[in-house]
Amino acid sequence: MSRDRVIWGGHATVLLELAGARLLTDPVLRSRVAHLRRHGETPSAELAEGLDALLISHLHYDHLDLPSLRGIAGEVTAFAPHGAAALLRRAGIGAVEEVRPGESGEVAGVRVSAVPAAHDPRRRPLGRRAEPVGFVLEAGPRIYFAGDTDLFDGMSDIGPVDLALIPVAGWGPELGSGGHLDPRSAARAAALIRPGVAVPIHWGTFYPRGRRLGDWFTEPGRRFATHAAELAPGVEVCVLAPGESLAL
């Protein structure tokens, strides 16, 4: 009998094993991306083996990493925002299903539905654009992968779910102008989405070259749990370290 579980690979990379299918979100499988450096070990190669699908939330380099995608072997279907197919095919991904919020598909018995996300649609510096999305997966448990987002109208329509993978920080001490959640606003998102369990992602993995690590890097997961206890008391929070898994 297959065991449903999720494995956090760091940042927004999560392996979801559902009903025998293997889906990988926003694969970044290297020790560096542009000016960002990974703290700790890179994900095990096994994370990207035998995949049925990739879920790509948006075009930013720390979510759509072409070298990581080129290293994924075998035939795999990528679900990605409209406008992302050309980039993915450059990386050798032949089967691409472009989706907008409200659209869905199915792979290996898992229903994959795109939902809204409030985030910058551009891939700098050339200005390629694709509207970011999150994903809801259904194969027994119902799972929400937010990708990268700020709070938005209608977020409560996504829930309830069994598990929410919620970004709680950026890749530096400052989040920039909108399009992100910090630990407290991520807890507000959890209150809206109403998951049984929330796992904080998008923290404690990459940092800008030359930047010293500090509380901004090590504490977002714990702070999210603290804020969720106040703002979303019915939600169980499970703070994972990269490489750790959670059985569903």
Protein backbone atom coordinates (compact mmCIF):
# COMPACT_ATOMS: atom_id res chain seq x y z
CA MET A 1 0.00 0.00 0.00
CA SER A 2 1.37 3.41 -0.94
CA ARG A 3 1.95 5.96 1.78
CA ASP A 4 0.95 9.55 1.15
CA ARG A 5 3.55 12.03 2.35
CA VAL A 6 5.32 15.28 1.53
CA ILE A 7 9.07 15.91 1.65
CA TRP A 8 10.34 19.49 1.88
CA GLY A 9 13.42 19.97 -0.28
CA GLY A 10 13.92 23.56 0.87
CA HIS A 11 12.57 26.90 -0.39
CA ALA A 12 9.46 26.13 -2.52
CA THR A 13 10.55 22.65 -3.59
CA VAL A 14 8.27 19.96 -2.17
CA LEU A 15 7.86 16.35 -3.26
CA LEU A 16 4.29 15.14 -2.92
CA GLU A 17 3.66 11.41 -2.95
CA LEU A 18 -0.07 10.89 -3.41
CA ALA A 19 -1.85 7.64 -4.26
CA GLY A 20 1.35 6.30 -5.82
CA ALA A 21 2.03 9.45 -7.88
CA ARG A 22 5.08 11.69 -7.40
CA LEU A 23 4.74 15.43 -8.03
CA LEU A 24 7.48 18.01 -7.45
CA THR A 25 6.83 21.71 -6.91
CA ASP A 26 9.09 24.54 -8.17
CA PRO A 27 12.25 22.40 -8.41
CA VAL A 28 15.45 24.16 -7.36
CA LEU A 29 17.92 21.34 -6.89
CA ARG A 30 21.24 23.23 -6.94
CA SER A 31 23.50 24.85 -4.39
CA ARG A 32 23.12 28.28 -5.99
CA VAL A 33 20.70 30.28 -8.14
CA ALA A 34 22.05 33.55 -9.58
CA HIS A 35 23.26 35.54 -6.53
CA LEU A 36 21.59 33.20 -4.04
CA ARG A 37 23.45 30.52 -2.11
CA ARG A 38 21.93 27.48 -0.43
CA HIS A 39 22.52 26.94 3.27
CA GLY A 40 23.03 23.25 3.91
CA GLU A 41 23.03 20.26 1.60
CA THR A 42 21.38 20.22 -1.80
CA PRO A 43 18.35 17.93 -2.11
CA SER A 44 18.99 14.25 -2.70
CA ALA A 45 18.83 13.16 -6.35
CA GLU A 46 16.09 10.73 -5.31
CA LEU A 47 13.75 13.69 -4.83
CA ALA A 48 13.52 14.12 -8.60
CA GLU A 49 13.42 10.45 -9.61
CA GLY A 50 10.36 8.75 -11.07
CA LEU A 51 8.30 11.92 -11.24
CA ASP A 52 4.84 12.03 -12.79
CA ALA A 53 4.45 15.81 -12.78
CA LEU A 54 6.06 19.14 -12.06
CA LEU A 55 4.09 22.05 -10.62
CA ILE A 56 5.57 25.42 -11.60
CA SER A 57 3.97 28.38 -9.84
CA HIS A 58 5.69 31.30 -11.62
CA LEU A 59 8.70 32.43 -13.63
CA HIS A 60 11.09 33.77 -10.99
CA TYR A 61 14.55 32.20 -11.03
CA ASP A 62 14.17 30.76 -7.53
CA HIS A 63 11.05 28.87 -8.65
CA LEU A 64 11.65 28.09 -12.34
CA ASP A 65 15.32 27.09 -12.49
CA LEU A 66 16.30 25.85 -15.95
CA PRO A 67 19.45 23.92 -14.90
CA SER A 68 17.46 22.04 -12.26
CA LEU A 69 14.78 21.17 -14.79
CA ARG A 70 17.37 19.94 -17.29
CA GLY A 71 18.58 17.46 -14.69
CA ILE A 72 15.16 15.79 -14.31
CA ALA A 73 15.17 12.50 -16.19
CA GLY A 74 12.29 10.69 -17.81
CA GLU A 75 8.99 11.78 -19.24
CA VAL A 76 7.16 14.18 -16.96
CA THR A 77 4.22 16.55 -17.37
CA ALA A 78 4.64 20.12 -16.19
CA PHE A 79 1.68 22.21 -15.05
CA ALA A 80 2.65 25.87 -15.35
CA PRO A 81 1.16 29.34 -15.85
CA HIS A 82 0.19 30.50 -19.33
CA GLY A 83 3.30 31.91 -20.95
CA ALA A 84 5.75 29.46 -19.33
CA ALA A 85 5.76 26.68 -21.95
CA ALA A 86 8.59 28.07 -24.11
CA LEU A 87 10.94 28.29 -21.12
CA LEU A 88 10.09 24.78 -19.97
CA ARG A 89 10.65 23.32 -23.42
CA ARG A 90 14.08 24.97 -23.48
CA ALA A 91 14.81 22.86 -20.41
CA GLY A 92 13.73 19.67 -22.18
CA ILE A 93 10.24 19.40 -20.69
CA GLY A 94 8.12 18.34 -23.65
CA ALA A 95 4.71 17.88 -22.06
CA VAL A 96 3.51 21.22 -20.70
CA GLU A 97 -0.04 22.05 -19.63
CA GLU A 98 -0.43 25.80 -19.26
CA VAL A 99 -3.14 26.70 -16.76
CA ARG A 100 -4.89 29.80 -15.52
CA PRO A 101 -6.72 30.08 -12.20
CA GLY A 102 -9.86 27.99 -12.41
CA GLU A 103 -8.40 25.51 -14.92
CA SER A 104 -7.45 21.96 -14.03
CA GLY A 105 -6.04 18.70 -15.34
CA GLU A 106 -5.22 15.22 -14.17
CA VAL A 107 -2.02 13.19 -13.98
CA ALA A 108 -1.49 9.70 -12.55
CA GLY A 109 -4.85 9.82 -10.78
CA VAL A 110 -4.21 13.21 -9.14
CA ARG A 111 -6.44 16.16 -10.00
CA VAL A 112 -4.40 19.36 -10.36
CA SER A 113 -6.28 22.67 -10.19
CA ALA A 114 -4.74 26.12 -10.60
CA VAL A 115 -5.80 28.82 -8.15
CA PRO A 116 -4.92 32.53 -7.95
CA ALA A 117 -1.70 33.95 -6.55
CA ALA A 118 -0.80 37.60 -5.95
CA HIS A 119 2.82 37.94 -7.08
CA ASP A 120 5.04 39.65 -9.67
CA PRO A 121 4.46 37.95 -13.06
CA ARG A 122 7.77 39.01 -14.68
CA ARG A 123 10.96 37.06 -15.27
CA ARG A 124 13.61 39.74 -15.18
CA PRO A 125 15.51 41.25 -16.90
CA LEU A 126 13.88 40.56 -20.28
CA GLY A 127 10.32 41.00 -19.12
CA ARG A 128 8.79 37.63 -20.05
CA ARG A 129 5.48 37.46 -18.18
CA ALA A 130 3.15 34.73 -16.93
CA GLU A 131 0.40 35.13 -14.36
CA PRO A 132 1.50 33.28 -11.19
CA VAL A 133 -0.68 30.49 -9.84
CA GLY A 134 -0.97 28.23 -6.85
CA PHE A 135 -2.21 24.65 -7.05
CA VAL A 136 -4.75 22.47 -5.27
CA LEU A 137 -4.15 18.73 -5.55
CA GLU A 138 -6.82 16.12 -4.91
CA ALA A 139 -6.12 12.39 -4.57
CA GLY A 140 -7.66 11.48 -1.24
CA PRO A 141 -6.17 14.34 0.81
CA ARG A 142 -6.68 17.85 -0.56
CA ILE A 143 -3.43 19.85 -0.65
CA TYR A 144 -2.77 23.53 -1.39
CA PHE A 145 0.63 24.63 -2.68
CA ALA A 146 0.73 28.43 -2.68
CA GLY A 147 3.95 28.93 -4.67
CA ASP A 148 4.63 32.55 -3.77
CA THR A 149 1.82 34.96 -2.97
CA ASP A 150 0.48 37.77 -0.86
CA LEU A 151 -2.98 37.75 0.69
CA PHE A 152 -5.70 38.27 -1.93
CA ASP A 153 -9.47 38.56 -2.17
CA GLY A 154 -11.01 35.13 -2.50
CA MET A 155 -8.21 33.28 -0.71
CA SER A 156 -10.80 31.76 1.63
CA ASP A 157 -12.44 30.09 -1.41
CA ILE A 158 -9.42 27.76 -1.66
CA GLY A 159 -10.19 26.08 1.65
CA PRO A 160 -10.77 24.03 3.50
CA VAL A 161 -7.86 21.70 2.70
CA ASP A 162 -6.12 18.90 4.54
CA LEU A 163 -2.64 20.39 4.08
CA ALA A 164 -1.40 23.84 3.08
CA LEU A 165 2.18 24.56 2.00
CA ILE A 166 2.46 28.27 2.78
CA PRO A 167 5.39 30.62 2.04
CA VAL A 168 6.38 32.56 5.15
CA ALA A 169 9.41 34.63 4.03
CA GLY A 170 11.53 35.63 1.04
CA TRP A 171 15.16 34.94 0.16
CA GLY A 172 16.49 37.93 2.06
CA PRO A 173 15.73 39.99 5.16
CA GLU A 174 13.41 42.32 3.21
CA LEU A 175 10.35 41.05 1.38
CA GLY A 176 10.12 43.86 -1.14
CA SER A 177 7.00 45.64 -2.28
CA GLY A 178 4.13 43.19 -2.05
CA GLY A 179 3.67 39.73 -3.48
CA HIS A 180 4.96 37.88 -0.42
CA LEU A 181 3.83 36.64 2.97
CA ASP A 182 5.75 37.13 6.18
CA PRO A 183 5.15 34.89 9.22
CA ARG A 184 2.21 36.94 10.52
CA SER A 185 0.44 37.45 7.18
CA ALA A 186 1.04 33.76 6.42
CA ALA A 187 -0.82 32.95 9.64
CA ARG A 188 -3.67 35.16 8.43
CA ALA A 189 -3.63 33.15 5.19
CA ALA A 190 -3.88 29.93 7.21
CA ALA A 191 -6.91 31.33 9.01
CA LEU A 192 -8.56 32.00 5.64
CA ILE A 193 -7.66 28.68 4.00
CA ARG A 194 -8.48 26.54 7.06
CA PRO A 195 -6.08 23.63 6.54
CA GLY A 196 -5.92 20.74 8.94
CA VAL A 197 -2.13 21.07 8.86
CA ALA A 198 0.07 23.92 7.61
CA VAL A 199 3.73 23.53 6.65
CA PRO A 200 5.76 26.74 6.30
CA ILE A 201 7.95 26.84 3.18
CA HIS A 202 10.06 29.46 1.36
CA TRP A 203 12.35 30.22 4.29
CA GLY A 204 15.73 29.20 5.72
CA THR A 205 17.16 27.87 2.45
CA PHE A 206 18.70 30.52 0.18
CA TYR A 207 20.44 33.76 1.08
CA PRO A 208 22.08 36.50 -1.01
CA ARG A 209 25.82 36.21 -1.52
CA GLY A 210 27.67 38.37 1.01
CA ARG A 211 24.69 38.58 3.40
CA ARG A 212 25.21 37.28 6.93
CA LEU A 213 22.57 34.93 8.27
CA GLY A 214 20.43 36.03 11.19
CA ASP A 215 16.96 35.76 12.67
CA TRP A 216 15.44 36.68 9.30
CA PHE A 217 16.83 33.36 7.99
CA THR A 218 16.40 30.97 10.92
CA GLU A 219 13.21 32.11 12.65
CA PRO A 220 10.35 32.47 10.11
CA GLY A 221 9.06 28.91 10.60
CA ARG A 222 8.88 29.26 14.37
CA ARG A 223 7.36 32.75 14.13
CA PHE A 224 4.70 31.46 11.76
CA ALA A 225 3.80 28.76 14.27
CA THR A 226 3.53 31.38 17.02
CA HIS A 227 1.30 33.67 14.96
CA ALA A 228 -0.84 30.75 13.76
CA ALA A 229 -1.53 29.75 17.36
CA GLU A 230 -3.01 33.23 17.82
CA LEU A 231 -4.69 33.86 14.46
CA ALA A 232 -5.56 30.32 13.29
CA PRO A 233 -5.83 28.26 16.49
CA GLY A 234 -7.59 25.38 14.76
CA VAL A 235 -4.64 24.79 12.43
CA GLU A 236 -1.86 22.37 13.34
CA VAL A 237 1.56 23.69 12.25
CA CYS A 238 4.35 21.31 11.31
CA VAL A 239 7.74 23.03 10.89
CA LEU A 240 10.02 20.84 8.78
CA ALA A 241 13.73 21.12 8.08
CA PRO A 242 14.89 20.56 4.48
CA GLY A 243 14.80 16.85 3.74
CA GLU A 244 12.24 16.06 6.43
CA SER A 245 8.89 14.51 5.56
CA LEU A 246 5.33 14.53 6.86
CA ALA A 247 3.02 11.53 6.49
CA LEU A 248 -0.55 12.34 5.46
